[in-house]
Protein backbone atom coordinates (compact mmCIF):
# COMPACT_ATOMS: atom_id res chain seq x y z
CA UNK A 1 10.85 40.71 -22.51
CA UNK A 2 11.53 43.33 -20.06
CA UNK A 3 12.55 42.33 -16.25
CA UNK A 4 9.07 42.51 -14.98
CA UNK A 5 7.29 40.20 -17.62
CA UNK A 6 10.07 37.86 -16.80
CA UNK A 7 9.22 37.92 -13.42
CA UNK A 8 4.78 37.79 -14.51
CA UNK A 9 6.35 34.90 -15.84
CA UNK A 10 7.84 33.41 -13.31
CA UNK A 11 5.38 33.85 -11.03
CA UNK A 12 2.86 31.92 -13.57
CA UNK A 13 5.32 28.97 -13.85
CA UNK A 14 5.24 28.87 -9.92
CA UNK A 15 1.70 29.21 -10.21
CA UNK A 16 1.14 25.90 -12.46
CA UNK A 17 3.19 24.13 -10.21
CA UNK A 18 1.39 24.82 -7.17
CA UNK A 19 -2.11 24.13 -8.77
CA UNK A 20 -0.21 20.77 -9.80
CA UNK A 21 0.79 19.94 -6.28
CA UNK A 22 -2.78 20.17 -4.83
CA UNK A 23 -3.99 17.45 -8.17
CA UNK A 24 -3.29 14.17 -5.89
CA UNK A 25 -3.66 14.93 -1.95
CA UNK A 26 -7.36 14.34 -2.33
CA UNK A 27 -6.21 10.56 -3.52
CA UNK A 28 -3.11 10.02 -2.20
CA UNK A 29 -3.93 10.67 1.85
CA UNK A 30 -6.84 8.52 1.62
CA UNK A 31 -4.55 5.07 1.57
CA UNK A 32 -2.04 5.85 4.81
CA UNK A 33 -5.93 6.57 6.52
CA UNK A 34 -7.31 3.21 5.48
CA UNK A 35 -7.22 0.97 8.31
CA UNK A 36 -8.72 3.81 10.45
CA UNK A 37 -11.28 4.89 7.97
CA UNK A 38 -12.68 1.61 7.25
CA UNK A 39 -12.67 0.51 11.56
CA UNK A 40 -14.45 4.13 12.06
CA UNK A 41 -17.25 3.67 8.57
CA UNK A 42 -17.50 -0.49 8.29
CA UNK A 43 -15.84 0.22 4.90
CA UNK A 44 -15.12 -3.32 2.92
CA UNK A 45 -12.24 -2.74 0.45
CA UNK A 46 -14.28 -2.57 -2.46
CA UNK A 47 -16.58 0.31 -0.86
CA UNK A 48 -12.66 2.06 0.29
CA UNK A 49 -12.26 1.60 -3.96
CA UNK A 50 -14.78 4.27 -4.62
CA UNK A 51 -12.63 7.32 -2.40
CA UNK A 52 -10.19 6.62 -5.57
CA UNK A 53 -12.70 5.01 -8.86
CA UNK A 54 -15.16 7.66 -8.52
CA UNK A 55 -12.26 10.97 -8.94
CA UNK A 56 -10.60 9.43 -11.44
CA UNK A 57 -14.29 8.17 -13.48
CA UNK A 58 -14.99 12.09 -12.90
CA UNK A 59 -11.79 13.18 -14.15
CA UNK A 60 -12.46 10.76 -17.40
CA UNK A 61 -15.96 12.29 -17.84
CA UNK A 62 -15.53 15.96 -17.79
CA UNK A 63 -12.23 15.53 -20.17
CA UNK A 64 -14.73 15.19 -22.72
CA UNK A 65 -16.40 18.33 -21.79
CA UNK A 66 -13.69 20.87 -20.15
CA UNK A 67 -13.56 23.35 -23.01
CA UNK A 68 -17.42 23.06 -23.76
CA UNK A 69 -17.79 24.77 -19.98
CA UNK A 70 -14.83 27.08 -20.17
CA UNK A 71 -16.18 28.54 -22.98
CA UNK A 72 -17.94 31.50 -20.66
CA UNK A 73 -15.53 32.50 -18.39
CA UNK A 74 -11.92 31.04 -20.21
CA UNK A 75 -10.02 28.36 -19.37
CA UNK A 76 -7.60 30.39 -16.58
CA UNK A 77 -10.58 31.80 -14.99
CA UNK A 78 -12.62 28.41 -15.41
CA UNK A 79 -9.08 26.43 -13.78
CA UNK A 80 -9.88 29.39 -10.97
CA UNK A 81 -13.50 28.29 -9.99
CA UNK A 82 -12.42 24.71 -10.01
CA UNK A 83 -9.34 25.44 -7.30
CA UNK A 84 -12.37 27.19 -5.15
CA UNK A 85 -14.34 23.79 -5.54
CA UNK A 86 -11.62 21.41 -4.74
CA UNK A 87 -10.70 23.51 -1.60
CA UNK A 88 -14.78 23.02 -0.74
CA UNK A 89 -14.20 19.23 -0.84
CA UNK A 90 -11.49 18.88 1.00
CA UNK A 91 -11.73 21.11 3.83
CA UNK A 92 -15.86 19.36 4.04
CA UNK A 93 -13.62 16.21 5.38
CA UNK A 94 -13.45 18.01 7.98
CA UNK A 95 -17.10 17.09 8.96
CA UNK A 96 -17.51 13.71 7.23
CA UNK A 97 -19.96 11.75 9.82
CA UNK A 98 -20.44 8.89 7.28
CA UNK A 99 -18.69 7.03 4.36
CA UNK A 100 -21.65 8.39 1.81
CA UNK A 101 -20.02 12.07 2.51
CA UNK A 102 -16.86 10.68 2.41
CA UNK A 103 -17.10 9.27 -0.68
CA UNK A 104 -18.83 12.84 -2.41
CA UNK A 105 -16.00 14.67 -1.54
CA UNK A 106 -14.12 12.22 -3.12
CA UNK A 107 -16.38 12.87 -6.53
CA UNK A 108 -16.31 16.47 -5.92
CA UNK A 109 -12.58 16.68 -5.59
CA UNK A 110 -12.22 14.55 -9.12
CA UNK A 111 -14.79 16.83 -11.07
CA UNK A 112 -12.75 19.77 -9.83
CA UNK A 113 -9.30 17.81 -10.67
CA UNK A 114 -10.87 17.25 -13.96
CA UNK A 115 -11.33 20.60 -15.52
CA UNK A 116 -7.51 21.63 -14.23
CA UNK A 117 -6.34 18.78 -16.24
CA UNK A 118 -8.05 19.00 -18.35
CA UNK A 119 -7.29 22.77 -19.26
CA UNK A 120 -3.54 23.11 -18.41
CA UNK A 121 -2.35 21.53 -21.44
CA UNK A 122 -3.46 23.79 -23.85
CA UNK A 123 -2.22 26.95 -21.06
CA UNK A 124 1.02 25.54 -20.86
CA UNK A 125 1.11 24.48 -25.05
CA UNK A 126 0.31 28.54 -25.18
CA UNK A 127 2.48 29.80 -22.75
CA UNK A 128 5.57 28.07 -23.13
CA UNK A 129 5.81 26.98 -26.64
CA UNK A 130 8.89 25.18 -27.63
CA UNK A 131 9.13 24.39 -23.66
CA UNK A 132 6.17 22.59 -23.43
CA UNK A 133 7.84 18.99 -23.35
CA UNK A 134 9.63 20.22 -20.73
CA UNK A 135 6.91 22.10 -18.84
CA UNK A 136 4.91 19.43 -18.94
CA UNK A 137 7.19 17.38 -17.36
CA UNK A 138 7.52 19.92 -14.33
CA UNK A 139 3.91 20.17 -13.97
CA UNK A 140 3.37 16.52 -13.85
CA UNK A 141 5.98 15.83 -11.32
CA UNK A 142 4.40 18.56 -9.46
CA UNK A 143 1.24 16.40 -9.41
CA UNK A 144 3.12 13.52 -8.15
CA UNK A 145 5.12 15.40 -5.54
CA UNK A 146 1.77 15.85 -4.29
CA UNK A 147 0.96 12.60 -3.47
CA UNK A 148 4.71 11.88 -2.22
CA UNK A 149 3.37 14.98 0.16
CA UNK A 150 -0.02 13.77 1.10
CA UNK A 151 1.53 10.15 1.57
CA UNK A 152 4.48 11.16 4.02
CA UNK A 153 2.92 13.74 5.67
CA UNK A 154 -1.18 12.99 6.31
CA UNK A 155 0.00 9.92 9.09
CA UNK A 156 2.69 12.00 10.66
CA UNK A 157 -0.66 14.89 11.14
CA UNK A 158 -2.84 11.52 12.10
CA UNK A 159 -0.81 10.87 14.58
CA UNK A 160 -1.99 13.66 16.69
CA UNK A 161 -5.38 14.48 14.78
CA UNK A 162 -8.04 12.50 13.68
CA UNK A 163 -8.35 11.18 9.87
CA UNK A 164 -10.47 13.75 9.22
CA UNK A 165 -9.23 16.21 9.92
CA UNK A 166 -5.97 14.62 8.63
CA UNK A 167 -7.87 15.21 5.29
CA UNK A 168 -9.10 18.14 5.62
CA UNK A 169 -6.23 20.15 6.44
CA UNK A 170 -4.91 19.82 2.76
CA UNK A 171 -7.95 22.14 1.66
CA UNK A 172 -5.67 25.05 3.03
CA UNK A 173 -2.88 24.10 0.22
CA UNK A 174 -5.40 24.71 -2.07
CA UNK A 175 -6.66 27.81 -0.98
CA UNK A 176 -3.08 29.04 -1.14
CA UNK A 177 -2.81 27.87 -4.92
CA UNK A 178 -5.96 29.60 -5.52
CA UNK A 179 -5.17 33.20 -4.31
CA UNK A 180 -1.67 32.73 -6.08
CA UNK A 181 -3.47 31.52 -9.26
CA UNK A 182 -6.30 34.52 -9.12
CA UNK A 183 -2.99 36.83 -8.75
CA UNK A 184 -1.32 36.04 -11.95
CA UNK A 185 -4.57 36.04 -13.63
CA UNK A 186 -4.36 39.80 -13.46
CA UNK A 187 -5.06 41.81 -17.20
CA UNK A 188 -1.66 41.18 -18.29
CA UNK A 189 -1.97 37.60 -18.06
CA UNK A 190 -5.69 36.68 -18.97
CA UNK A 191 -5.21 35.74 -22.42
CA UNK A 192 -4.87 31.66 -22.06
CA UNK A 193 -3.50 30.99 -25.40
CA UNK A 194 -2.68 32.95 -28.74
CA UNK A 195 -3.82 31.68 -31.51
CA UNK A 196 -7.37 31.46 -32.29
CA UNK A 197 -9.21 28.28 -32.06
CA UNK A 198 -9.93 26.15 -34.61
CA UNK A 199 -13.05 24.32 -35.36
CA UNK A 200 -13.39 20.95 -32.91
CA UNK A 201 -11.65 18.11 -34.49
CA UNK A 202 -13.37 14.17 -34.18
CA UNK A 203 -10.48 12.41 -32.70
CA UNK A 204 -12.70 9.38 -32.08
CA UNK A 205 -12.79 8.96 -35.34
CA UNK A 206 -8.63 8.01 -35.62
CA UNK A 207 -7.05 4.97 -34.85
CA UNK A 208 -4.27 6.53 -33.03
CA UNK A 209 -6.30 8.81 -30.56
CA UNK A 210 -7.84 5.48 -29.29
CA UNK A 211 -4.25 4.30 -29.39
CA UNK A 212 -2.94 7.25 -27.63
CA UNK A 213 -5.99 6.76 -24.64
CA UNK A 214 -5.06 3.13 -24.34
CA UNK A 215 -1.41 3.75 -23.32
CA UNK A 216 -2.29 6.81 -20.91
CA UNK A 217 -5.37 4.07 -19.32
CA UNK A 218 -2.50 1.58 -19.11
CA UNK A 219 -0.24 4.17 -17.63
CA UNK A 220 -2.72 5.23 -15.04
CA UNK A 221 -4.36 2.42 -14.11
CA UNK A 222 -0.72 1.12 -12.60
CA UNK A 223 -0.75 4.57 -10.86
CA UNK A 224 -3.74 5.07 -9.21
CA UNK A 225 -4.34 1.14 -8.39
CA UNK A 226 -0.81 1.63 -6.80
CA UNK A 227 -1.45 5.01 -4.92
CA UNK A 228 -4.84 2.84 -3.39
CA UNK A 229 -3.73 0.06 -2.67
CA UNK A 230 0.35 0.02 -1.75
CA UNK A 231 -0.30 1.32 1.50
CA UNK A 232 -2.95 -0.99 2.87
CA UNK A 233 -0.93 -4.05 1.20
CA UNK A 234 2.02 -2.81 3.20
CA UNK A 235 0.02 -3.26 6.54
CA UNK A 236 -1.01 -6.61 5.29
CA UNK A 237 2.79 -7.80 5.12
CA UNK A 238 3.52 -6.50 8.88
CA UNK A 239 4.34 -2.51 8.34
CA UNK A 240 2.36 0.12 10.58
CA UNK A 241 0.10 2.58 9.26
CA UNK A 242 3.43 5.45 9.43
CA UNK A 243 6.06 2.63 7.46
CA UNK A 244 2.88 1.96 5.08
CA UNK A 245 2.96 5.87 4.56
CA UNK A 246 6.48 6.41 3.89
CA UNK A 247 6.97 3.33 1.78
CA UNK A 248 4.08 5.19 -0.37
CA UNK A 249 6.15 8.10 0.04
CA UNK A 250 9.37 6.75 -1.10
CA UNK A 251 7.25 4.88 -4.30
CA UNK A 252 5.83 8.96 -5.07
CA UNK A 253 8.95 10.29 -4.59
CA UNK A 254 10.95 8.08 -7.12
CA UNK A 255 7.75 8.97 -9.13
CA UNK A 256 8.94 12.55 -9.03
CA UNK A 257 12.97 11.67 -9.85
CA UNK A 258 11.09 9.76 -13.20
CA UNK A 259 9.06 12.75 -13.36
CA UNK A 260 12.20 14.86 -13.92
CA UNK A 261 14.66 12.55 -15.58
CA UNK A 262 12.66 10.94 -18.08
CA UNK A 263 10.91 13.70 -20.01
CA UNK A 264 14.52 15.45 -19.76
CA UNK A 265 15.85 12.01 -21.43
CA UNK A 266 12.61 12.31 -24.26
CA UNK A 267 13.34 15.50 -25.26
CA UNK A 268 17.02 14.93 -26.26
CA UNK A 269 15.92 13.06 -28.85
CA UNK A 270 12.34 13.44 -31.37
CA UNK A 271 11.88 9.28 -30.98
CA UNK A 272 10.69 8.76 -27.71
CA UNK A 273 9.92 4.83 -27.82
CA UNK A 274 13.68 3.70 -26.89
CA UNK A 275 12.23 6.03 -23.26
CA UNK A 276 8.99 4.62 -23.23
CA UNK A 277 10.28 1.12 -23.53
CA UNK A 278 12.73 1.09 -20.06
CA UNK A 279 9.62 2.68 -18.37
CA UNK A 280 7.51 -0.22 -19.37
CA UNK A 281 10.16 -2.68 -18.48
CA UNK A 282 10.65 -1.17 -15.11
CA UNK A 283 6.89 -1.74 -14.10
CA UNK A 284 7.26 -5.26 -15.59
CA UNK A 285 9.68 -6.21 -13.19
CA UNK A 286 8.42 -4.42 -10.40
CA UNK A 287 4.80 -5.41 -10.48
CA UNK A 288 6.06 -9.15 -11.39
CA UNK A 289 8.32 -9.12 -8.13
CA UNK A 290 5.73 -6.96 -6.15
CA UNK A 291 3.22 -10.13 -6.39
CA UNK A 292 5.83 -13.50 -6.45
CA UNK A 293 8.79 -11.81 -4.24
CA UNK A 294 7.56 -9.12 -2.05
CA UNK A 295 9.78 -9.81 1.39
CA UNK A 296 12.98 -9.96 -1.06
CA UNK A 297 13.92 -6.33 -2.00
CA UNK A 298 10.68 -4.50 -1.55
CA UNK A 299 12.17 -0.98 -1.58
CA UNK A 300 13.91 -1.62 -4.81
CA UNK A 301 10.37 -3.41 -5.99
CA UNK A 302 8.76 -0.15 -5.28
CA UNK A 303 11.64 1.96 -6.87
CA UNK A 304 10.68 0.03 -10.24
CA UNK A 305 7.26 0.84 -10.08
CA UNK A 306 7.91 4.37 -9.16
CA UNK A 307 10.56 5.00 -11.53
CA UNK A 308 8.32 3.82 -14.24
CA UNK A 309 4.83 5.07 -13.69
CA UNK A 310 6.84 8.56 -12.84
CA UNK A 311 8.17 8.24 -16.32
CA UNK A 312 5.21 7.03 -18.52
CA UNK A 313 2.79 9.22 -17.10
CA UNK A 314 4.63 12.92 -18.23
CA UNK A 315 5.66 10.75 -21.62
CA UNK A 316 1.75 9.86 -22.13
CA UNK A 317 1.44 13.53 -22.41
CA UNK A 318 4.36 13.96 -24.08
CA UNK A 319 3.63 11.84 -26.76
CA UNK A 320 -0.05 13.06 -27.46
CA UNK A 321 1.16 16.54 -27.75
CA UNK A 322 3.62 16.16 -29.79
CA UNK A 323 1.04 14.62 -32.84
CA UNK A 324 -0.20 18.39 -32.35
CA UNK A 325 1.08 21.62 -32.97
CA UNK A 326 -1.76 24.13 -32.30
CA UNK A 327 -2.56 24.83 -28.61
CA UNK A 328 -6.03 24.21 -28.42
CA UNK A 329 -6.21 21.11 -30.62
CA UNK A 330 -3.31 19.79 -28.68
CA UNK A 331 -5.08 20.98 -25.67
CA UNK A 332 -7.99 18.88 -27.43
CA UNK A 333 -6.55 15.39 -28.50
CA UNK A 334 -4.94 15.50 -24.91
CA UNK A 335 -8.52 15.89 -23.10
CA UNK A 336 -9.81 13.28 -25.54
CA UNK A 337 -6.66 10.82 -24.32
CA UNK A 338 -7.31 11.86 -20.75
CA UNK A 339 -11.37 11.35 -21.01
CA UNK A 340 -11.14 7.96 -22.30
CA UNK A 341 -8.61 6.77 -20.02
CA UNK A 342 -9.26 7.71 -16.64
CA UNK A 343 -12.67 6.48 -17.73
CA UNK A 344 -10.75 3.11 -18.23
CA UNK A 345 -8.68 3.34 -15.21
CA UNK A 346 -11.00 4.59 -13.03
CA UNK A 347 -12.30 0.70 -12.73
CA UNK A 348 -8.31 -0.57 -12.21
CA UNK A 349 -8.67 0.22 -7.84
CA UNK A 350 -12.23 -1.69 -8.02
CA UNK A 351 -11.44 -4.59 -9.92
CA UNK A 352 -7.98 -4.92 -7.37
CA UNK A 353 -10.46 -4.36 -4.19
CA UNK A 354 -13.00 -6.54 -5.73
CA UNK A 355 -9.95 -9.55 -5.85
CA UNK A 356 -8.72 -8.47 -2.62
CA UNK A 357 -11.84 -8.64 -0.96
CA UNK A 358 -12.84 -12.28 -3.05
CA UNK A 359 -8.68 -13.97 -2.72
CA UNK A 360 -7.84 -12.35 0.27
CA UNK A 361 -4.62 -11.48 -1.43
CA UNK A 362 -3.63 -8.38 -3.80
CA UNK A 363 -0.89 -10.78 -6.00
CA UNK A 364 -3.50 -11.38 -8.77
CA UNK A 365 -3.85 -7.81 -8.71
CA UNK A 366 -0.24 -7.05 -9.07
CA UNK A 367 0.38 -9.83 -11.94
CA UNK A 368 -2.84 -7.75 -14.04
CA UNK A 369 -1.08 -4.88 -13.53
CA UNK A 370 2.57 -6.07 -14.95
CA UNK A 371 0.54 -7.83 -18.06
CA UNK A 372 -0.53 -3.81 -18.41
CA UNK A 373 2.83 -3.07 -19.02
CA UNK A 374 3.38 -5.65 -21.87
CA UNK A 375 0.36 -4.28 -23.61
CA UNK A 376 1.87 -0.51 -23.33
CA UNK A 377 4.92 -1.65 -24.40
CA UNK A 378 3.07 -2.61 -27.57
CA UNK A 379 1.96 0.21 -28.03
CA UNK A 380 4.33 2.55 -27.50
CA UNK A 381 6.61 0.88 -29.92
CA UNK A 382 4.07 2.41 -33.10
CA UNK A 383 4.46 5.93 -31.42
CA UNK A 384 7.05 6.67 -34.56
CA UNK A 385 7.67 10.38 -35.46
CA UNK A 386 7.32 9.63 -38.93
CA UNK A 387 3.42 8.36 -37.76
CA UNK A 388 2.60 11.59 -36.13
CA UNK A 389 1.61 13.32 -39.82
CA UNK A 390 0.02 10.12 -40.85
CA UNK A 391 -2.71 10.05 -38.55
CA UNK A 392 -3.01 14.21 -37.62
CA UNK A 393 -2.20 16.10 -40.97
CA UNK A 394 -1.62 20.22 -40.15
CA UNK A 395 -4.60 21.21 -42.64
CA UNK A 396 -7.23 18.27 -41.39
CA UNK A 397 -6.83 19.35 -37.84
CA UNK A 398 -6.26 23.41 -38.43
CA UNK A 399 -2.74 23.50 -37.01
C-alpha cells in the first residue's frame, strides 16, 4: 500500500470514528436535562421515555429495510444522507416549543442513526477484512464515547444555555462528521464492498438468527434503560443535575474502557463465550446492587454496569459477524439482529418509566435488568465456534 493510500485509509478510519461519535448524543444528552424538560413541557416519566423509545424503535424497524433503501445510492452515500438527516434533527432542537416537536426530532434522529448503524458493519467488514473485530470494537467504543461526551458536557452547557440550546449544539459535531465523510467518498473511496452481493437470505428462518437477536436485545435493553434513567435516578437519590450528568458520564466512560478492553480480549481467542460470561456477571452484580444497596458503593455498581454493557454491545456485533465470512451477508445478518434487537429493546425505557410512575421507584426496573443478564448468560453459552457453520453453511448463504 502506497503512502498516499495509507493516509487515505487512515482518514477513512477517522471518518468512521467521527460518525460513530454522533450516534448517541441525541439520546444521551436528554437524561441530565430531563428534569428541566419535564418542568418546562409538563412531561410524565412515561411520556419522557418516548425520547428514548422512539429512536430505538426506529433503529429496529429501519434495520430491516436499510440495505434496500441504500441500493440506489450505495452504502457510503446513503450514510452521507443519513448524517444530513441527523444534523437536521439535532439542530431543530434549538427551536422545540412543544413536547411533540421534541419527540419528533428524537424519531427523526432515530431514523438517521438506524440507517448508519445498519450499513456500517458491512463497510467495516469489507474495508478492514481480518481487522474487522478490532474495527467493530473501535467503532462501538466511539459510539459509547459519544454518549459519554454528551452526558458530561450537556449539563455543563446547560449552566449557561437553555436545555434547547444544550441539545441543539450537538448538531455542529454531526456537520463536521458529514464533511469528513463526504471528503473520504471521493472517487477513489466510493466502492464500499469489493465482493458482489449474493442473493438475500431468509435470516428469520434460522433459530440462531433469533438467538443472536435476543442476545443483542438483552444487552441493548440494559444500555438504553440506563441511558434514559440513570441520571433521573441519581436526581432522586439527592444528586444535583451536574452530578447526575457526571455519573452518567462515568458510566459511559466505563463503557468506553470496556469497548476497548473486551473486544481485544475476545480477539485473542476463537471462543468468545468466557468473555461474554464475565460481562453478564458484571451486569448482574451491578444492577442487583443498584436496586438494593445504591448508597453503599454507587460508583462501584455503576462501574460494573458500565463495564458489562460496554463489553456486551460490541461482543454481540462481533459474535454475529463471526458467523458469516461474506461482508454483505454478514452485514445483512447484523441488520436482522439489530432490527429485532432494537425493536425489543425500544420498550425497555418505556416499561421502566411506567414502573417508576406506578411504584414511585426504579427498584423493580433495575431488578428486571439484572434478570436479563442471567438470560444473556444462558444464551451466550450457546455461541460456540463449532456451532457457526452448523447454522450457516457457507454455500447456503453464498459466502
